[in-house]
Amino acid sequence: MFFEVKELCRSFGALQAVNNVSFTLDEGTTLSIIGPNGAGKTTLFNVITGVFPPDKGEVMFKGTHVTGMPPDKLCHRGIARSFQITNIFQGLSVFENIRLACQGRKATKRMFSHVSKLKEPMEEAERILDLLGLLDLRDWRAGTLSHGDQRYLEIGMTLAAKPSLVLFDEPTAGMTPMETKATIELIHKLKGMVTIIIIEHDINMVFAVSDRILVMDQGNVLADGLPEEVKANEAVKAAYFGEEI
């Protein structure tokens, strides 16, 4: 199995934020995790990516236990995460952000020195910027980009780690409808390159990109299935959608 979560639990005092969550994921699949605010989605991501240790349960990646492994070690294993809050180097150029992320994959102590002489990270940065549609903005200071382009830049920095599994935490948060449409197109491009797990509130985006949808409510898995199955699920309608969709 490519990726598996087994009976993960995480509580904060009396609050059971994640309660016996289990799912599997085949390589090349795009899974969206949805649910109302407070459902436990981001806590689940935090447990999967080693930000919080689980109270119980395990995470398996390519047959190996990675439960509680810190984010940097997970990244070296091939699991990368893009956060809900954009994390970029505001004062550096778009190209420098991606180039340094590519160079960081090598874990060299000289990441900030003589990096311009390193051909491979530069070529990889060019390829990623082209994929993101940011090549024309390569010399812009990252802090001057629109919110949407800053989000794309962070996605590019995540891809620079060359992961085989990417977790996106609300990639379209704060985006305009046009930017959201572009993000949908980008994820379709990525679908043949990496396995993807997404937390997202834009339900139209979810149905546009997902092979499977997992619905959480109050820390529990309410439903897990194909988009059309989830859409027709009466319990999901009652707990999340609130009406016909």
C-alpha atoms as a PDB file:
ATOM      1  CA  MET A   1       0.000   0.000   0.000  1.00  0.00           C
ATOM      2  CA  PHE A   2       1.355   3.427  -0.967  1.00  0.00           C
ATOM      3  CA  PHE A   3      -0.022   5.339   2.041  1.00  0.00           C
ATOM      4  CA  GLU A   4      -2.077   4.230   5.021  1.00  0.00           C
ATOM      5  CA  VAL A   5      -3.441   5.870   8.154  1.00  0.00           C
ATOM      6  CA  LYS A   6      -4.497   3.423  10.875  1.00  0.00           C
ATOM      7  CA  GLU A   7      -6.810   4.411  13.745  1.00  0.00           C
ATOM      8  CA  LEU A   8      -5.177   7.781  14.369  1.00  0.00           C
ATOM      9  CA  CYS A   9      -6.281   9.579  17.526  1.00  0.00           C
ATOM     10  CA  ARG A  10      -5.308  12.973  18.899  1.00  0.00           C
ATOM     11  CA  SER A  11      -6.920  14.857  21.747  1.00  0.00           C
ATOM     12  CA  PHE A  12      -6.355  18.204  23.424  1.00  0.00           C
ATOM     13  CA  GLY A  13      -7.620  17.904  26.971  1.00  0.00           C
ATOM     14  CA  ALA A  14     -11.256  16.849  26.763  1.00  0.00           C
ATOM     15  CA  LEU A  15     -11.449  17.629  23.026  1.00  0.00           C
ATOM     16  CA  GLN A  16     -11.070  14.556  20.806  1.00  0.00           C
ATOM     17  CA  ALA A  17      -9.846  16.341  17.668  1.00  0.00           C
ATOM     18  CA  VAL A  18      -9.086  13.162  15.703  1.00  0.00           C
ATOM     19  CA  ASN A  19     -10.880   9.948  16.645  1.00  0.00           C
ATOM     20  CA  ASN A  20      -9.850   6.598  15.144  1.00  0.00           C
ATOM     21  CA  VAL A  21      -9.329   7.955  11.634  1.00  0.00           C
ATOM     22  CA  SER A  22      -8.272   5.339   9.089  1.00  0.00           C
ATOM     23  CA  PHE A  23      -7.861   5.450   5.321  1.00  0.00           C
ATOM     24  CA  THR A  24      -5.639   4.126   2.558  1.00  0.00           C
ATOM     25  CA  LEU A  25      -4.384   5.833  -0.563  1.00  0.00           C
ATOM     26  CA  ASP A  26      -3.154   4.327  -3.821  1.00  0.00           C
ATOM     27  CA  GLU A  27      -0.284   5.960  -5.655  1.00  0.00           C
ATOM     28  CA  GLY A  28      -1.428   8.602  -8.132  1.00  0.00           C
ATOM     29  CA  THR A  29      -4.732   9.237  -6.347  1.00  0.00           C
ATOM     30  CA  THR A  30      -6.069  12.652  -5.328  1.00  0.00           C
ATOM     31  CA  LEU A  31      -7.948  12.551  -2.015  1.00  0.00           C
ATOM     32  CA  SER A  32      -9.797  15.562  -0.624  1.00  0.00           C
ATOM     33  CA  ILE A  33     -10.617  15.815   3.080  1.00  0.00           C
ATOM     34  CA  ILE A  34     -13.612  18.020   3.814  1.00  0.00           C
ATOM     35  CA  GLY A  35     -15.789  18.877   6.778  1.00  0.00           C
ATOM     36  CA  PRO A  36     -17.089  21.841   8.774  1.00  0.00           C
ATOM     37  CA  ASN A  37     -14.792  24.059  10.824  1.00  0.00           C
ATOM     38  CA  GLY A  38     -13.533  22.144  13.847  1.00  0.00           C
ATOM     39  CA  ALA A  39     -13.996  18.766  12.176  1.00  0.00           C
ATOM     40  CA  GLY A  40     -10.349  17.838  12.818  1.00  0.00           C
ATOM     41  CA  LYS A  41      -8.973  18.166   9.294  1.00  0.00           C
ATOM     42  CA  THR A  42      -5.937  20.321  10.051  1.00  0.00           C
ATOM     43  CA  THR A  43      -5.179  18.382  13.233  1.00  0.00           C
ATOM     44  CA  LEU A  44      -5.182  15.214  11.132  1.00  0.00           C
ATOM     45  CA  PHE A  45      -2.684  16.843   8.750  1.00  0.00           C
ATOM     46  CA  ASN A  46      -0.569  17.918  11.724  1.00  0.00           C
ATOM     47  CA  VAL A  47      -0.472  14.377  13.084  1.00  0.00           C
ATOM     48  CA  ILE A  48       0.311  12.866   9.682  1.00  0.00           C
ATOM     49  CA  THR A  49       3.160  15.325   9.089  1.00  0.00           C
ATOM     50  CA  GLY A  50       4.726  15.029  12.537  1.00  0.00           C
ATOM     51  CA  VAL A  51       3.709  18.417  13.919  1.00  0.00           C
ATOM     52  CA  PHE A  52       1.786  16.642  16.704  1.00  0.00           C
ATOM     53  CA  PRO A  53       2.395  13.057  17.843  1.00  0.00           C
ATOM     54  CA  PRO A  54      -0.695  10.833  17.798  1.00  0.00           C
ATOM     55  CA  ASP A  55      -2.187   9.551  21.032  1.00  0.00           C
ATOM     56  CA  LYS A  56      -2.786   6.291  19.206  1.00  0.00           C
ATOM     57  CA  GLY A  57      -2.507   4.861  15.722  1.00  0.00           C
ATOM     58  CA  GLU A  58       0.095   4.776  12.993  1.00  0.00           C
ATOM     59  CA  VAL A  59       1.020   6.211   9.626  1.00  0.00           C
ATOM     60  CA  MET A  60       2.544   3.993   6.924  1.00  0.00           C
ATOM     61  CA  PHE A  61       4.255   5.255   3.765  1.00  0.00           C
ATOM     62  CA  LYS A  62       5.416   2.775   1.136  1.00  0.00           C
ATOM     63  CA  GLY A  63       5.327   0.021   3.734  1.00  0.00           C
ATOM     64  CA  THR A  64       7.411   1.918   6.305  1.00  0.00           C
ATOM     65  CA  HIS A  65       6.279   3.298   9.662  1.00  0.00           C
ATOM     66  CA  VAL A  66       6.573   7.099   9.603  1.00  0.00           C
ATOM     67  CA  THR A  67       4.363   7.790  12.633  1.00  0.00           C
ATOM     68  CA  GLY A  68       5.512  10.888  14.499  1.00  0.00           C
ATOM     69  CA  MET A  69       8.449  11.442  12.171  1.00  0.00           C
ATOM     70  CA  PRO A  70       9.326  15.175  12.073  1.00  0.00           C
ATOM     71  CA  PRO A  71       8.505  17.180   8.922  1.00  0.00           C
ATOM     72  CA  ASP A  72      12.122  17.459   7.710  1.00  0.00           C
ATOM     73  CA  LYS A  73      12.623  13.693   7.831  1.00  0.00           C
ATOM     74  CA  LEU A  74       9.262  13.102   6.161  1.00  0.00           C
ATOM     75  CA  CYS A  75      10.341  15.466   3.400  1.00  0.00           C
ATOM     76  CA  HIS A  76      13.447  13.374   2.771  1.00  0.00           C
ATOM     77  CA  ARG A  77      11.201  10.311   2.632  1.00  0.00           C
ATOM     78  CA  GLY A  78       9.033  11.935  -0.036  1.00  0.00           C
ATOM     79  CA  ILE A  79       6.153  13.541   1.905  1.00  0.00           C
ATOM     80  CA  ALA A  80       5.809  17.323   1.619  1.00  0.00           C
ATOM     81  CA  ARG A  81       3.189  19.753   2.898  1.00  0.00           C
ATOM     82  CA  SER A  82       1.969  23.157   1.769  1.00  0.00           C
ATOM     83  CA  PHE A  83       0.481  25.109   4.680  1.00  0.00           C
ATOM     84  CA  GLN A  84      -2.731  27.138   4.917  1.00  0.00           C
ATOM     85  CA  ILE A  85      -0.665  30.233   5.769  1.00  0.00           C
ATOM     86  CA  THR A  86       1.704  31.111   2.947  1.00  0.00           C
ATOM     87  CA  ASN A  87       5.385  30.605   3.825  1.00  0.00           C
ATOM     88  CA  ILE A  88       7.750  32.266   1.363  1.00  0.00           C
ATOM     89  CA  PHE A  89      10.838  34.484   1.500  1.00  0.00           C
ATOM     90  CA  GLN A  90       9.132  37.829   0.926  1.00  0.00           C
ATOM     91  CA  GLY A  91      12.335  39.767   0.227  1.00  0.00           C
ATOM     92  CA  LEU A  92      13.779  37.365  -2.338  1.00  0.00           C
ATOM     93  CA  SER A  93      12.851  37.038  -5.981  1.00  0.00           C
ATOM     94  CA  VAL A  94      10.399  34.423  -7.177  1.00  0.00           C
ATOM     95  CA  PHE A  95      13.236  32.523  -8.824  1.00  0.00           C
ATOM     96  CA  GLU A  96      15.439  32.660  -5.710  1.00  0.00           C
ATOM     97  CA  ASN A  97      12.621  31.217  -3.588  1.00  0.00           C
ATOM     98  CA  ILE A  98      12.306  28.191  -5.838  1.00  0.00           C
ATOM     99  CA  ARG A  99      16.034  27.841  -6.432  1.00  0.00           C
ATOM    100  CA  LEU A 100      16.831  27.794  -2.723  1.00  0.00           C
ATOM    101  CA  ALA A 101      14.052  25.279  -2.117  1.00  0.00           C
ATOM    102  CA  CYS A 102      15.593  23.053  -4.797  1.00  0.00           C
ATOM    103  CA  GLN A 103      19.036  23.509  -3.301  1.00  0.00           C
ATOM    104  CA  GLY A 104      17.691  22.795   0.182  1.00  0.00           C
ATOM    105  CA  ARG A 105      16.739  19.328  -1.003  1.00  0.00           C
ATOM    106  CA  LYS A 106      20.460  18.573  -1.164  1.00  0.00           C
ATOM    107  CA  ALA A 107      20.768  19.532   2.520  1.00  0.00           C
ATOM    108  CA  THR A 108      24.059  21.224   1.803  1.00  0.00           C
ATOM    109  CA  LYS A 109      25.682  23.485   4.364  1.00  0.00           C
ATOM    110  CA  ARG A 110      26.498  25.898   1.547  1.00  0.00           C
ATOM    111  CA  MET A 111      22.912  26.501   0.476  1.00  0.00           C
ATOM    112  CA  PHE A 112      23.306  30.287   0.466  1.00  0.00           C
ATOM    113  CA  SER A 113      26.805  30.427  -1.023  1.00  0.00           C
ATOM    114  CA  HIS A 114      27.750  29.911  -4.660  1.00  0.00           C
ATOM    115  CA  VAL A 115      24.227  28.673  -5.355  1.00  0.00           C
ATOM    116  CA  SER A 116      24.207  30.528  -8.699  1.00  0.00           C
ATOM    117  CA  LYS A 117      26.933  28.174  -9.894  1.00  0.00           C
ATOM    118  CA  LEU A 118      24.872  25.090  -9.247  1.00  0.00           C
ATOM    119  CA  LYS A 119      23.250  24.212 -12.539  1.00  0.00           C
ATOM    120  CA  GLU A 120      20.821  21.511 -11.463  1.00  0.00           C
ATOM    121  CA  PRO A 121      18.825  23.596  -8.939  1.00  0.00           C
ATOM    122  CA  MET A 122      18.590  26.443 -11.443  1.00  0.00           C
ATOM    123  CA  GLU A 123      17.238  24.197 -14.183  1.00  0.00           C
ATOM    124  CA  GLU A 124      14.790  22.586 -11.775  1.00  0.00           C
ATOM    125  CA  ALA A 125      13.615  26.019 -10.606  1.00  0.00           C
ATOM    126  CA  GLU A 126      12.978  27.056 -14.215  1.00  0.00           C
ATOM    127  CA  ARG A 127      10.939  23.906 -14.810  1.00  0.00           C
ATOM    128  CA  ILE A 128       8.817  24.452 -11.699  1.00  0.00           C
ATOM    129  CA  LEU A 129       8.178  28.119 -12.506  1.00  0.00           C
ATOM    130  CA  ASP A 130       7.088  27.132 -16.002  1.00  0.00           C
ATOM    131  CA  LEU A 131       4.704  24.518 -14.566  1.00  0.00           C
ATOM    132  CA  LEU A 132       3.218  27.129 -12.214  1.00  0.00           C
ATOM    133  CA  GLY A 133       2.895  29.810 -14.881  1.00  0.00           C
ATOM    134  CA  LEU A 134       5.260  32.086 -12.931  1.00  0.00           C
ATOM    135  CA  LEU A 135       8.178  32.148 -15.356  1.00  0.00           C
ATOM    136  CA  ASP A 136       7.410  35.702 -16.494  1.00  0.00           C
ATOM    137  CA  LEU A 137       7.491  36.797 -12.837  1.00  0.00           C
ATOM    138  CA  ARG A 138      10.784  35.111 -11.998  1.00  0.00           C
ATOM    139  CA  ASP A 139      12.587  38.366 -11.162  1.00  0.00           C
ATOM    140  CA  TRP A 140       9.762  39.893  -9.118  1.00  0.00           C
ATOM    141  CA  ARG A 141      10.247  40.205  -5.379  1.00  0.00           C
ATOM    142  CA  ALA A 142       8.029  37.529  -3.819  1.00  0.00           C
ATOM    143  CA  GLY A 143       6.408  39.979  -1.419  1.00  0.00           C
ATOM    144  CA  THR A 144       5.006  42.020  -4.315  1.00  0.00           C
ATOM    145  CA  LEU A 145       3.076  39.115  -5.851  1.00  0.00           C
ATOM    146  CA  SER A 146      -0.696  38.815  -5.634  1.00  0.00           C
ATOM    147  CA  HIS A 147      -2.042  36.507  -2.939  1.00  0.00           C
ATOM    148  CA  GLY A 148      -2.797  33.834  -5.527  1.00  0.00           C
ATOM    149  CA  ASP A 149       0.671  33.964  -7.051  1.00  0.00           C
ATOM    150  CA  GLN A 150       2.226  33.782  -3.582  1.00  0.00           C
ATOM    151  CA  ARG A 151       0.226  30.607  -2.985  1.00  0.00           C
ATOM    152  CA  TYR A 152       1.469  29.171  -6.288  1.00  0.00           C
ATOM    153  CA  LEU A 153       5.017  30.081  -5.294  1.00  0.00           C
ATOM    154  CA  GLU A 154       4.662  28.189  -2.020  1.00  0.00           C
ATOM    155  CA  ILE A 155       3.276  25.209  -3.927  1.00  0.00           C
ATOM    156  CA  GLY A 156       6.363  25.422  -6.135  1.00  0.00           C
ATOM    157  CA  MET A 157       8.635  25.425  -3.093  1.00  0.00           C
ATOM    158  CA  THR A 158       6.823  22.313  -1.883  1.00  0.00           C
ATOM    159  CA  LEU A 159       7.315  20.619  -5.257  1.00  0.00           C
ATOM    160  CA  ALA A 160      11.019  21.501  -5.157  1.00  0.00           C
ATOM    161  CA  ALA A 161      11.451  18.743  -2.570  1.00  0.00           C
ATOM    162  CA  LYS A 162      10.486  16.268  -5.324  1.00  0.00           C
ATOM    163  CA  PRO A 163       7.878  14.559  -3.134  1.00  0.00           C
ATOM    164  CA  SER A 164       5.821  11.569  -4.182  1.00  0.00           C
ATOM    165  CA  LEU A 165       3.037  12.576  -1.745  1.00  0.00           C
ATOM    166  CA  VAL A 166       1.930  16.206  -1.294  1.00  0.00           C
ATOM    167  CA  LEU A 167      -0.505  17.507   1.327  1.00  0.00           C
ATOM    168  CA  PHE A 168      -2.190  20.804   0.451  1.00  0.00           C
ATOM    169  CA  ASP A 169      -3.903  22.674   3.303  1.00  0.00           C
ATOM    170  CA  GLU A 170      -6.627  24.890   1.773  1.00  0.00           C
ATOM    171  CA  PRO A 171      -4.678  25.801  -1.387  1.00  0.00           C
ATOM    172  CA  THR A 172      -7.407  28.171  -2.641  1.00  0.00           C
ATOM    173  CA  ALA A 173      -7.936  30.064   0.644  1.00  0.00           C
ATOM    174  CA  GLY A 174      -8.312  33.779  -0.105  1.00  0.00           C
ATOM    175  CA  MET A 175      -8.144  33.307  -3.863  1.00  0.00           C
ATOM    176  CA  THR A 176     -10.313  34.992  -6.466  1.00  0.00           C
ATOM    177  CA  PRO A 177     -12.556  32.788  -8.650  1.00  0.00           C
ATOM    178  CA  MET A 178     -10.059  33.156 -11.506  1.00  0.00           C
ATOM    179  CA  GLU A 179      -7.160  32.141  -9.251  1.00  0.00           C
ATOM    180  CA  THR A 180      -9.165  29.177  -7.968  1.00  0.00           C
ATOM    181  CA  LYS A 181      -9.803  28.057 -11.538  1.00  0.00           C
ATOM    182  CA  ALA A 182      -6.072  28.276 -12.255  1.00  0.00           C
ATOM    183  CA  THR A 183      -5.361  26.220  -9.119  1.00  0.00           C
ATOM    184  CA  ILE A 184      -7.763  23.521 -10.303  1.00  0.00           C
ATOM    185  CA  GLU A 185      -5.898  23.422 -13.612  1.00  0.00           C
ATOM    186  CA  LEU A 186      -2.568  23.209 -11.773  1.00  0.00           C
ATOM    187  CA  ILE A 187      -3.714  20.294  -9.623  1.00  0.00           C
ATOM    188  CA  HIS A 188      -4.862  18.466 -12.745  1.00  0.00           C
ATOM    189  CA  LYS A 189      -1.325  18.928 -14.108  1.00  0.00           C
ATOM    190  CA  LEU A 190       0.132  17.535 -10.890  1.00  0.00           C
ATOM    191  CA  LYS A 191      -2.184  14.511 -10.773  1.00  0.00           C
ATOM    192  CA  GLY A 192       0.054  12.542 -13.115  1.00  0.00           C
ATOM    193  CA  MET A 193       3.194  13.506 -11.205  1.00  0.00           C
ATOM    194  CA  VAL A 194       2.427  13.105  -7.484  1.00  0.00           C
ATOM    195  CA  THR A 195      -0.135  11.634  -5.098  1.00  0.00           C
ATOM    196  CA  ILE A 196      -2.182  14.398  -3.468  1.00  0.00           C
ATOM    197  CA  ILE A 197      -4.177  14.902  -0.267  1.00  0.00           C
ATOM    198  CA  ILE A 198      -6.102  18.181  -0.024  1.00  0.00           C
ATOM    199  CA  ILE A 199      -7.980  19.966   2.745  1.00  0.00           C
ATOM    200  CA  GLU A 200     -10.346  22.380   1.038  1.00  0.00           C
ATOM    201  CA  HIS A 201     -13.518  24.355   1.794  1.00  0.00           C
ATOM    202  CA  ASP A 202     -14.363  25.218  -1.825  1.00  0.00           C
ATOM    203  CA  ILE A 203     -16.665  22.308  -2.594  1.00  0.00           C
ATOM    204  CA  ASN A 204     -16.715  23.002  -6.340  1.00  0.00           C
ATOM    205  CA  MET A 205     -12.938  22.745  -6.385  1.00  0.00           C
ATOM    206  CA  VAL A 206     -13.105  19.505  -4.387  1.00  0.00           C
ATOM    207  CA  PHE A 207     -15.435  17.830  -6.864  1.00  0.00           C
ATOM    208  CA  ALA A 208     -13.370  19.126  -9.787  1.00  0.00           C
ATOM    209  CA  VAL A 209     -10.085  17.504  -8.719  1.00  0.00           C
ATOM    210  CA  SER A 210     -10.823  14.553  -6.407  1.00  0.00           C
ATOM    211  CA  ASP A 211     -10.677  10.845  -7.121  1.00  0.00           C
ATOM    212  CA  ARG A 212     -11.939  10.229  -3.588  1.00  0.00           C
ATOM    213  CA  ILE A 213     -13.421  12.368  -0.833  1.00  0.00           C
ATOM    214  CA  LEU A 214     -13.166  11.762   2.906  1.00  0.00           C
ATOM    215  CA  VAL A 215     -15.638  13.665   5.083  1.00  0.00           C
ATOM    216  CA  MET A 216     -14.841  14.426   8.732  1.00  0.00           C
ATOM    217  CA  ASP A 217     -17.180  15.632  11.454  1.00  0.00           C
ATOM    218  CA  GLN A 218     -16.189  16.203  15.095  1.00  0.00           C
ATOM    219  CA  GLY A 219     -12.979  14.221  14.672  1.00  0.00           C
ATOM    220  CA  ASN A 220     -14.629  11.203  13.067  1.00  0.00           C
ATOM    221  CA  VAL A 221     -14.756   9.901   9.504  1.00  0.00           C
ATOM    222  CA  LEU A 222     -18.331  10.405   8.369  1.00  0.00           C
ATOM    223  CA  ALA A 223     -17.873   9.121   4.822  1.00  0.00           C
ATOM    224  CA  ASP A 224     -15.115   7.980   2.468  1.00  0.00           C
ATOM    225  CA  GLY A 225     -15.808   7.249  -1.165  1.00  0.00           C
ATOM    226  CA  LEU A 226     -16.045   8.376  -4.746  1.00  0.00           C
ATOM    227  CA  PRO A 227     -17.249  11.956  -5.282  1.00  0.00           C
ATOM    228  CA  GLU A 228     -20.647  10.840  -6.547  1.00  0.00           C
ATOM    229  CA  GLU A 229     -21.083   8.534  -3.535  1.00  0.00           C
ATOM    230  CA  VAL A 230     -20.229  11.291  -1.080  1.00  0.00           C
ATOM    231  CA  LYS A 231     -22.500  13.721  -2.896  1.00  0.00           C
ATOM    232  CA  ALA A 232     -25.444  11.334  -2.479  1.00  0.00           C
ATOM    233  CA  ASN A 233     -24.717  10.450   1.164  1.00  0.00           C
ATOM    234  CA  GLU A 234     -27.590  11.620   3.375  1.00  0.00           C
ATOM    235  CA  ALA A 235     -25.453  11.817   6.525  1.00  0.00           C
ATOM    236  CA  VAL A 236     -22.961  14.036   4.712  1.00  0.00           C
ATOM    237  CA  LYS A 237     -25.721  16.319   3.479  1.00  0.00           C
ATOM    238  CA  ALA A 238     -27.069  16.700   6.994  1.00  0.00           C
ATOM    239  CA  ALA A 239     -23.733  17.278   8.713  1.00  0.00           C
ATOM    240  CA  TYR A 240     -21.842  19.280   6.116  1.00  0.00           C
ATOM    241  CA  PHE A 241     -23.732  20.470   3.094  1.00  0.00           C
ATOM    242  CA  GLY A 242     -27.015  21.148   4.857  1.00  0.00           C
ATOM    243  CA  GLU A 243     -28.898  20.923   1.594  1.00  0.00           C
ATOM    244  CA  GLU A 244     -28.956  19.203  -1.764  1.00  0.00           C
ATOM    245  CA  ILE A 245     -25.858  19.793  -3.886  1.00  0.00           C
END
